[in-house]
Amino acid sequence: MESQLIVVLLVAGLNIPVYLELYKHALANKAVWIKIIVSIAFWGVAITTQSIAALIGILFLYFSHYRYLGKDEFDDELDVWHISGGDAFRTAVMTLIARAAILIIHLIYIIILMKLVKYNIKLQDVVNYYSEAQLVVKLILALEIVVVAPIVEEFVFRYFLYGKILSPRMPFAIAATLSAALFTTVHFNVGGIPTFFGLGLFCTYLYHKKGYWAAVIAHGISNLISLLFI
């Protein structure tokens, strides 16, 4: 029952923001029958795959709407949907440095949990599944972890939650902390708290400075590093 509730929360959390944006930019002015068909298709795919409907929706929104936008509606100095090659490279380098720092903090945290708190650390289910899977399945999972998850999660936690809901209403530090905290919570992994929270803060900083794709690049590289450790 608990695992089913977690799945429901994940499906809702990852897909509702995308659906709301789809409705606003693509469905609001369409005929009722089109709204019904698209909505049924979207939520049918969302329920069966968790993140694929959100991915398709984000890519559709990007190619049909977002990439034609200029500055962010809440920040005249930020171009959310475009990134230069130089910024992409600098983002990659910064991510490697940040990931090393996060790893040190994570190791200290693990030692404290194991030695002082005597907490029994459990790996995420996806980690165990990935390590035991056949090659083809591993490749599919790697695509999901390195490409799909960053695109979807950065849309939800950085663009929608931080960019549209939190940052217009509160100081950067508070908005970034809340975004990172919720990002950490949905991963349901006590042993990974420093990594998820640190990555959440770092991606929020990158989104704040360089936009959505910088956060996606950092998230994807971080996930790739985790796969290499596995």
C-alpha atoms as a PDB file:
ATOM      1  CA  MET A   1       0.000   0.000   0.000  1.00  0.00           C
ATOM      2  CA  GLU A   2       2.830   2.396   0.902  1.00  0.00           C
ATOM      3  CA  SER A   3       4.697   1.678  -2.342  1.00  0.00           C
ATOM      4  CA  GLN A   4       1.520   2.244  -4.364  1.00  0.00           C
ATOM      5  CA  LEU A   5       1.007   5.598  -2.651  1.00  0.00           C
ATOM      6  CA  ILE A   6       4.594   6.583  -3.505  1.00  0.00           C
ATOM      7  CA  VAL A   7       4.032   5.693  -7.160  1.00  0.00           C
ATOM      8  CA  VAL A   8       0.824   7.751  -7.252  1.00  0.00           C
ATOM      9  CA  LEU A   9       2.610  10.743  -5.726  1.00  0.00           C
ATOM     10  CA  LEU A  10       5.499  10.411  -8.193  1.00  0.00           C
ATOM     11  CA  VAL A  11       3.207  10.182 -11.212  1.00  0.00           C
ATOM     12  CA  ALA A  12       1.213  13.183 -10.030  1.00  0.00           C
ATOM     13  CA  GLY A  13       4.246  15.249  -9.077  1.00  0.00           C
ATOM     14  CA  LEU A  14       6.118  14.666 -12.330  1.00  0.00           C
ATOM     15  CA  ASN A  15       3.166  15.064 -14.661  1.00  0.00           C
ATOM     16  CA  ILE A  16       0.772  17.664 -13.252  1.00  0.00           C
ATOM     17  CA  PRO A  17       3.143  20.622 -13.881  1.00  0.00           C
ATOM     18  CA  VAL A  18       3.716  19.478 -17.462  1.00  0.00           C
ATOM     19  CA  TYR A  19       0.012  18.944 -18.069  1.00  0.00           C
ATOM     20  CA  LEU A  20      -0.813  22.407 -16.705  1.00  0.00           C
ATOM     21  CA  GLU A  21       1.723  23.983 -19.073  1.00  0.00           C
ATOM     22  CA  LEU A  22       0.420  21.895 -21.977  1.00  0.00           C
ATOM     23  CA  TYR A  23      -3.126  22.988 -21.232  1.00  0.00           C
ATOM     24  CA  LYS A  24      -2.109  26.639 -20.948  1.00  0.00           C
ATOM     25  CA  HIS A  25      -0.031  26.816 -24.131  1.00  0.00           C
ATOM     26  CA  ALA A  26      -1.541  24.130 -26.379  1.00  0.00           C
ATOM     27  CA  LEU A  27      -5.021  23.052 -25.262  1.00  0.00           C
ATOM     28  CA  ALA A  28      -6.795  26.033 -23.730  1.00  0.00           C
ATOM     29  CA  ASN A  29      -8.163  27.293 -27.048  1.00  0.00           C
ATOM     30  CA  LYS A  30      -8.826  23.896 -28.611  1.00  0.00           C
ATOM     31  CA  ALA A  31     -12.179  22.154 -29.012  1.00  0.00           C
ATOM     32  CA  VAL A  32     -13.493  20.154 -26.076  1.00  0.00           C
ATOM     33  CA  TRP A  33     -13.084  16.826 -27.870  1.00  0.00           C
ATOM     34  CA  ILE A  34      -9.413  17.570 -28.549  1.00  0.00           C
ATOM     35  CA  LYS A  35      -8.862  18.435 -24.874  1.00  0.00           C
ATOM     36  CA  ILE A  36     -10.487  15.174 -23.826  1.00  0.00           C
ATOM     37  CA  ILE A  37      -8.518  12.988 -26.248  1.00  0.00           C
ATOM     38  CA  VAL A  38      -5.168  14.609 -25.467  1.00  0.00           C
ATOM     39  CA  SER A  39      -5.840  14.499 -21.720  1.00  0.00           C
ATOM     40  CA  ILE A  40      -6.794  10.814 -21.786  1.00  0.00           C
ATOM     41  CA  ALA A  41      -3.731   9.982 -23.886  1.00  0.00           C
ATOM     42  CA  PHE A  42      -1.419  12.027 -21.667  1.00  0.00           C
ATOM     43  CA  TRP A  43      -2.585  10.537 -18.379  1.00  0.00           C
ATOM     44  CA  GLY A  44      -2.796   7.046 -19.828  1.00  0.00           C
ATOM     45  CA  VAL A  45       0.880   7.210 -20.797  1.00  0.00           C
ATOM     46  CA  ALA A  46       1.750   8.944 -17.515  1.00  0.00           C
ATOM     47  CA  ILE A  47       0.165   6.227 -15.386  1.00  0.00           C
ATOM     48  CA  THR A  48       1.835   3.399 -17.303  1.00  0.00           C
ATOM     49  CA  THR A  49       5.313   4.930 -17.686  1.00  0.00           C
ATOM     50  CA  GLN A  50       5.587   7.627 -14.944  1.00  0.00           C
ATOM     51  CA  SER A  51       7.814  10.020 -16.897  1.00  0.00           C
ATOM     52  CA  ILE A  52       7.450   9.423 -20.658  1.00  0.00           C
ATOM     53  CA  ALA A  53       4.280  11.488 -20.998  1.00  0.00           C
ATOM     54  CA  ALA A  54       6.008  14.333 -19.178  1.00  0.00           C
ATOM     55  CA  LEU A  55       9.063  14.027 -21.444  1.00  0.00           C
ATOM     56  CA  ILE A  56       6.944  14.127 -24.607  1.00  0.00           C
ATOM     57  CA  GLY A  57       4.985  17.073 -23.241  1.00  0.00           C
ATOM     58  CA  ILE A  58       8.139  19.034 -22.353  1.00  0.00           C
ATOM     59  CA  LEU A  59       9.730  18.429 -25.760  1.00  0.00           C
ATOM     60  CA  PHE A  60       6.509  19.435 -27.502  1.00  0.00           C
ATOM     61  CA  LEU A  61       6.316  22.620 -25.427  1.00  0.00           C
ATOM     62  CA  TYR A  62       9.950  23.418 -26.085  1.00  0.00           C
ATOM     63  CA  PHE A  63       9.822  23.024 -29.870  1.00  0.00           C
ATOM     64  CA  SER A  64       6.404  24.642 -30.241  1.00  0.00           C
ATOM     65  CA  HIS A  65       6.643  27.445 -27.697  1.00  0.00           C
ATOM     66  CA  TYR A  66       9.547  27.814 -25.259  1.00  0.00           C
ATOM     67  CA  ARG A  67      12.423  28.052 -27.715  1.00  0.00           C
ATOM     68  CA  TYR A  68      10.826  31.113 -29.299  1.00  0.00           C
ATOM     69  CA  LEU A  69      10.732  32.952 -25.987  1.00  0.00           C
ATOM     70  CA  GLY A  70      13.340  35.485 -24.954  1.00  0.00           C
ATOM     71  CA  LYS A  71      13.795  36.587 -21.379  1.00  0.00           C
ATOM     72  CA  ASP A  72      12.128  34.916 -18.416  1.00  0.00           C
ATOM     73  CA  GLU A  73       8.745  36.413 -17.488  1.00  0.00           C
ATOM     74  CA  PHE A  74       9.903  36.912 -13.890  1.00  0.00           C
ATOM     75  CA  ASP A  75      13.526  37.910 -14.582  1.00  0.00           C
ATOM     76  CA  ASP A  76      14.408  40.318 -17.377  1.00  0.00           C
ATOM     77  CA  GLU A  77      18.083  39.271 -17.249  1.00  0.00           C
ATOM     78  CA  LEU A  78      17.593  35.500 -17.577  1.00  0.00           C
ATOM     79  CA  ASP A  79      17.167  33.669 -20.881  1.00  0.00           C
ATOM     80  CA  VAL A  80      15.714  30.396 -19.563  1.00  0.00           C
ATOM     81  CA  TRP A  81      15.441  28.352 -22.748  1.00  0.00           C
ATOM     82  CA  HIS A  82      18.711  29.028 -24.558  1.00  0.00           C
ATOM     83  CA  ILE A  83      22.300  28.128 -23.714  1.00  0.00           C
ATOM     84  CA  SER A  84      25.519  28.768 -25.616  1.00  0.00           C
ATOM     85  CA  GLY A  85      28.161  26.139 -26.290  1.00  0.00           C
ATOM     86  CA  GLY A  86      30.564  27.956 -23.977  1.00  0.00           C
ATOM     87  CA  ASP A  87      28.075  28.018 -21.127  1.00  0.00           C
ATOM     88  CA  ALA A  88      27.316  24.331 -21.668  1.00  0.00           C
ATOM     89  CA  PHE A  89      31.023  23.483 -21.409  1.00  0.00           C
ATOM     90  CA  ARG A  90      31.480  25.655 -18.310  1.00  0.00           C
ATOM     91  CA  THR A  91      28.434  24.026 -16.772  1.00  0.00           C
ATOM     92  CA  ALA A  92      29.956  20.571 -17.341  1.00  0.00           C
ATOM     93  CA  VAL A  93      33.227  21.582 -15.683  1.00  0.00           C
ATOM     94  CA  MET A  94      31.436  23.200 -12.742  1.00  0.00           C
ATOM     95  CA  THR A  95      29.342  20.061 -12.331  1.00  0.00           C
ATOM     96  CA  LEU A  96      32.410  17.839 -12.032  1.00  0.00           C
ATOM     97  CA  ILE A  97      33.831  20.119  -9.340  1.00  0.00           C
ATOM     98  CA  ALA A  98      30.507  20.365  -7.496  1.00  0.00           C
ATOM     99  CA  ARG A  99      29.980  16.609  -7.697  1.00  0.00           C
ATOM    100  CA  ALA A 100      33.406  16.014  -6.103  1.00  0.00           C
ATOM    101  CA  ALA A 101      32.529  18.371  -3.239  1.00  0.00           C
ATOM    102  CA  ILE A 102      29.120  16.727  -2.791  1.00  0.00           C
ATOM    103  CA  LEU A 103      30.784  13.294  -2.739  1.00  0.00           C
ATOM    104  CA  ILE A 104      33.052  14.321   0.151  1.00  0.00           C
ATOM    105  CA  ILE A 105      30.068  15.605   2.125  1.00  0.00           C
ATOM    106  CA  HIS A 106      28.146  12.443   1.271  1.00  0.00           C
ATOM    107  CA  LEU A 107      30.938  10.164   2.521  1.00  0.00           C
ATOM    108  CA  ILE A 108      31.113  12.047   5.837  1.00  0.00           C
ATOM    109  CA  TYR A 109      27.341  11.759   6.137  1.00  0.00           C
ATOM    110  CA  ILE A 110      27.442   8.000   5.473  1.00  0.00           C
ATOM    111  CA  ILE A 111      30.149   7.497   8.106  1.00  0.00           C
ATOM    112  CA  ILE A 112      28.042   9.392  10.649  1.00  0.00           C
ATOM    113  CA  LEU A 113      24.950   7.332   9.810  1.00  0.00           C
ATOM    114  CA  MET A 114      26.763   3.999  10.010  1.00  0.00           C
ATOM    115  CA  LYS A 115      29.128   4.595  12.920  1.00  0.00           C
ATOM    116  CA  LEU A 116      27.256   6.970  15.202  1.00  0.00           C
ATOM    117  CA  VAL A 117      23.572   6.577  14.392  1.00  0.00           C
ATOM    118  CA  LYS A 118      23.852   2.864  13.458  1.00  0.00           C
ATOM    119  CA  TYR A 119      21.457   3.431  10.577  1.00  0.00           C
ATOM    120  CA  ASN A 120      21.070   0.580   8.091  1.00  0.00           C
ATOM    121  CA  ILE A 121      21.565   2.242   4.709  1.00  0.00           C
ATOM    122  CA  LYS A 122      19.478   0.859   1.861  1.00  0.00           C
ATOM    123  CA  LEU A 123      20.201   1.447  -1.804  1.00  0.00           C
ATOM    124  CA  GLN A 124      17.451   2.772  -4.050  1.00  0.00           C
ATOM    125  CA  ASP A 125      15.507   0.042  -5.841  1.00  0.00           C
ATOM    126  CA  VAL A 126      16.645   1.397  -9.208  1.00  0.00           C
ATOM    127  CA  VAL A 127      20.292   0.929  -8.158  1.00  0.00           C
ATOM    128  CA  ASN A 128      19.779  -2.734  -7.292  1.00  0.00           C
ATOM    129  CA  TYR A 129      17.723  -3.296 -10.430  1.00  0.00           C
ATOM    130  CA  TYR A 130      20.317  -1.607 -12.644  1.00  0.00           C
ATOM    131  CA  SER A 131      23.261  -3.529 -11.206  1.00  0.00           C
ATOM    132  CA  GLU A 132      21.540  -6.887 -11.824  1.00  0.00           C
ATOM    133  CA  ALA A 133      19.937  -6.110 -15.199  1.00  0.00           C
ATOM    134  CA  GLN A 134      20.932  -7.442 -18.615  1.00  0.00           C
ATOM    135  CA  LEU A 135      22.910  -5.181 -20.963  1.00  0.00           C
ATOM    136  CA  VAL A 136      19.941  -4.071 -23.074  1.00  0.00           C
ATOM    137  CA  VAL A 137      17.931  -3.225 -19.975  1.00  0.00           C
ATOM    138  CA  LYS A 138      20.913  -1.359 -18.546  1.00  0.00           C
ATOM    139  CA  LEU A 139      21.155   0.754 -21.681  1.00  0.00           C
ATOM    140  CA  ILE A 140      17.454   1.610 -21.499  1.00  0.00           C
ATOM    141  CA  LEU A 141      17.751   2.451 -17.805  1.00  0.00           C
ATOM    142  CA  ALA A 142      20.849   4.547 -18.485  1.00  0.00           C
ATOM    143  CA  LEU A 143      18.894   6.568 -21.061  1.00  0.00           C
ATOM    144  CA  GLU A 144      16.117   7.058 -18.530  1.00  0.00           C
ATOM    145  CA  ILE A 145      18.515   8.090 -15.746  1.00  0.00           C
ATOM    146  CA  VAL A 146      20.900  10.298 -17.748  1.00  0.00           C
ATOM    147  CA  VAL A 147      18.488  11.909 -20.243  1.00  0.00           C
ATOM    148  CA  VAL A 148      14.809  11.476 -19.383  1.00  0.00           C
ATOM    149  CA  ALA A 149      14.968  12.069 -15.631  1.00  0.00           C
ATOM    150  CA  PRO A 150      17.026  15.284 -15.859  1.00  0.00           C
ATOM    151  CA  ILE A 151      14.753  16.802 -18.517  1.00  0.00           C
ATOM    152  CA  VAL A 152      11.573  15.986 -16.579  1.00  0.00           C
ATOM    153  CA  GLU A 153      12.796  16.662 -13.048  1.00  0.00           C
ATOM    154  CA  GLU A 154      14.476  19.965 -13.917  1.00  0.00           C
ATOM    155  CA  PHE A 155      11.270  21.102 -15.600  1.00  0.00           C
ATOM    156  CA  VAL A 156       9.249  20.237 -12.505  1.00  0.00           C
ATOM    157  CA  PHE A 157      11.599  21.376  -9.739  1.00  0.00           C
ATOM    158  CA  ARG A 158      13.518  24.213 -11.353  1.00  0.00           C
ATOM    159  CA  TYR A 159      11.364  25.726 -14.109  1.00  0.00           C
ATOM    160  CA  PHE A 160       7.912  25.159 -12.595  1.00  0.00           C
ATOM    161  CA  LEU A 161       8.428  24.957  -8.829  1.00  0.00           C
ATOM    162  CA  TYR A 162      11.378  27.312  -8.397  1.00  0.00           C
ATOM    163  CA  GLY A 163      10.992  29.559 -11.448  1.00  0.00           C
ATOM    164  CA  LYS A 164       7.227  30.042 -11.564  1.00  0.00           C
ATOM    165  CA  ILE A 165       6.026  29.445  -7.996  1.00  0.00           C
ATOM    166  CA  LEU A 166       8.780  30.113  -5.455  1.00  0.00           C
ATOM    167  CA  SER A 167      11.270  32.656  -6.831  1.00  0.00           C
ATOM    168  CA  PRO A 168       8.704  35.377  -7.669  1.00  0.00           C
ATOM    169  CA  ARG A 169       7.447  35.257  -4.060  1.00  0.00           C
ATOM    170  CA  MET A 170      10.542  34.889  -1.861  1.00  0.00           C
ATOM    171  CA  PRO A 171      14.322  35.474  -1.684  1.00  0.00           C
ATOM    172  CA  PHE A 172      16.584  33.239  -3.760  1.00  0.00           C
ATOM    173  CA  ALA A 173      18.079  31.374  -0.767  1.00  0.00           C
ATOM    174  CA  ILE A 174      14.696  30.340   0.606  1.00  0.00           C
ATOM    175  CA  ALA A 175      13.268  29.424  -2.802  1.00  0.00           C
ATOM    176  CA  ALA A 176      16.371  27.395  -3.707  1.00  0.00           C
ATOM    177  CA  THR A 177      16.338  25.569  -0.361  1.00  0.00           C
ATOM    178  CA  LEU A 178      12.654  24.660  -0.680  1.00  0.00           C
ATOM    179  CA  SER A 179      13.117  23.458  -4.250  1.00  0.00           C
ATOM    180  CA  ALA A 180      16.133  21.336  -3.272  1.00  0.00           C
ATOM    181  CA  ALA A 181      14.332  19.966  -0.202  1.00  0.00           C
ATOM    182  CA  LEU A 182      11.319  18.820  -2.220  1.00  0.00           C
ATOM    183  CA  PHE A 183      13.634  17.391  -4.882  1.00  0.00           C
ATOM    184  CA  THR A 184      15.387  15.393  -2.140  1.00  0.00           C
ATOM    185  CA  THR A 185      12.134  14.222  -0.572  1.00  0.00           C
ATOM    186  CA  VAL A 186      10.701  12.683  -3.741  1.00  0.00           C
ATOM    187  CA  HIS A 187      13.733  10.408  -4.089  1.00  0.00           C
ATOM    188  CA  PHE A 188      12.774   8.612  -0.844  1.00  0.00           C
ATOM    189  CA  ASN A 189      16.358   7.740   0.101  1.00  0.00           C
ATOM    190  CA  VAL A 190      17.795   8.656   3.504  1.00  0.00           C
ATOM    191  CA  GLY A 191      21.292   7.539   2.546  1.00  0.00           C
ATOM    192  CA  GLY A 192      21.315   9.856  -0.468  1.00  0.00           C
ATOM    193  CA  ILE A 193      20.111  13.050   1.222  1.00  0.00           C
ATOM    194  CA  PRO A 194      23.388  15.033   0.852  1.00  0.00           C
ATOM    195  CA  THR A 195      23.734  14.089  -2.819  1.00  0.00           C
ATOM    196  CA  PHE A 196      20.152  14.906  -3.766  1.00  0.00           C
ATOM    197  CA  PHE A 197      20.023  18.093  -1.708  1.00  0.00           C
ATOM    198  CA  GLY A 198      23.417  19.268  -2.936  1.00  0.00           C
ATOM    199  CA  LEU A 199      22.481  18.538  -6.548  1.00  0.00           C
ATOM    200  CA  GLY A 200      19.154  20.302  -6.065  1.00  0.00           C
ATOM    201  CA  LEU A 201      20.849  23.438  -4.752  1.00  0.00           C
ATOM    202  CA  PHE A 202      23.472  23.365  -7.495  1.00  0.00           C
ATOM    203  CA  CYS A 203      20.907  22.920 -10.268  1.00  0.00           C
ATOM    204  CA  THR A 204      18.780  25.717  -8.818  1.00  0.00           C
ATOM    205  CA  TYR A 205      21.826  27.999  -8.840  1.00  0.00           C
ATOM    206  CA  LEU A 206      22.543  27.070 -12.468  1.00  0.00           C
ATOM    207  CA  TYR A 207      18.921  27.630 -13.452  1.00  0.00           C
ATOM    208  CA  HIS A 208      18.989  31.001 -11.718  1.00  0.00           C
ATOM    209  CA  LYS A 209      22.168  32.018 -13.586  1.00  0.00           C
ATOM    210  CA  LYS A 210      22.035  30.188 -16.938  1.00  0.00           C
ATOM    211  CA  GLY A 211      18.541  28.752 -17.366  1.00  0.00           C
ATOM    212  CA  TYR A 212      16.828  25.402 -17.798  1.00  0.00           C
ATOM    213  CA  TRP A 213      19.305  23.588 -20.050  1.00  0.00           C
ATOM    214  CA  ALA A 214      22.247  24.334 -17.763  1.00  0.00           C
ATOM    215  CA  ALA A 215      20.363  22.632 -14.933  1.00  0.00           C
ATOM    216  CA  VAL A 216      19.526  19.679 -17.206  1.00  0.00           C
ATOM    217  CA  ILE A 217      23.187  19.279 -18.250  1.00  0.00           C
ATOM    218  CA  ALA A 218      24.366  19.325 -14.628  1.00  0.00           C
ATOM    219  CA  HIS A 219      21.686  16.844 -13.572  1.00  0.00           C
ATOM    220  CA  GLY A 220      22.496  14.500 -16.461  1.00  0.00           C
ATOM    221  CA  ILE A 221      26.252  14.551 -15.786  1.00  0.00           C
ATOM    222  CA  SER A 222      25.664  13.943 -12.082  1.00  0.00           C
ATOM    223  CA  ASN A 223      23.435  10.955 -12.821  1.00  0.00           C
ATOM    224  CA  LEU A 224      26.016   9.609 -15.270  1.00  0.00           C
ATOM    225  CA  ILE A 225      28.680   9.789 -12.572  1.00  0.00           C
ATOM    226  CA  SER A 226      26.395   7.850 -10.235  1.00  0.00           C
ATOM    227  CA  LEU A 227      25.937   5.165 -12.920  1.00  0.00           C
ATOM    228  CA  LEU A 228      29.704   4.879 -13.346  1.00  0.00           C
ATOM    229  CA  PHE A 229      30.024   4.280  -9.589  1.00  0.00           C
ATOM    230  CA  ILE A 230      27.379   1.552  -9.822  1.00  0.00           C
END
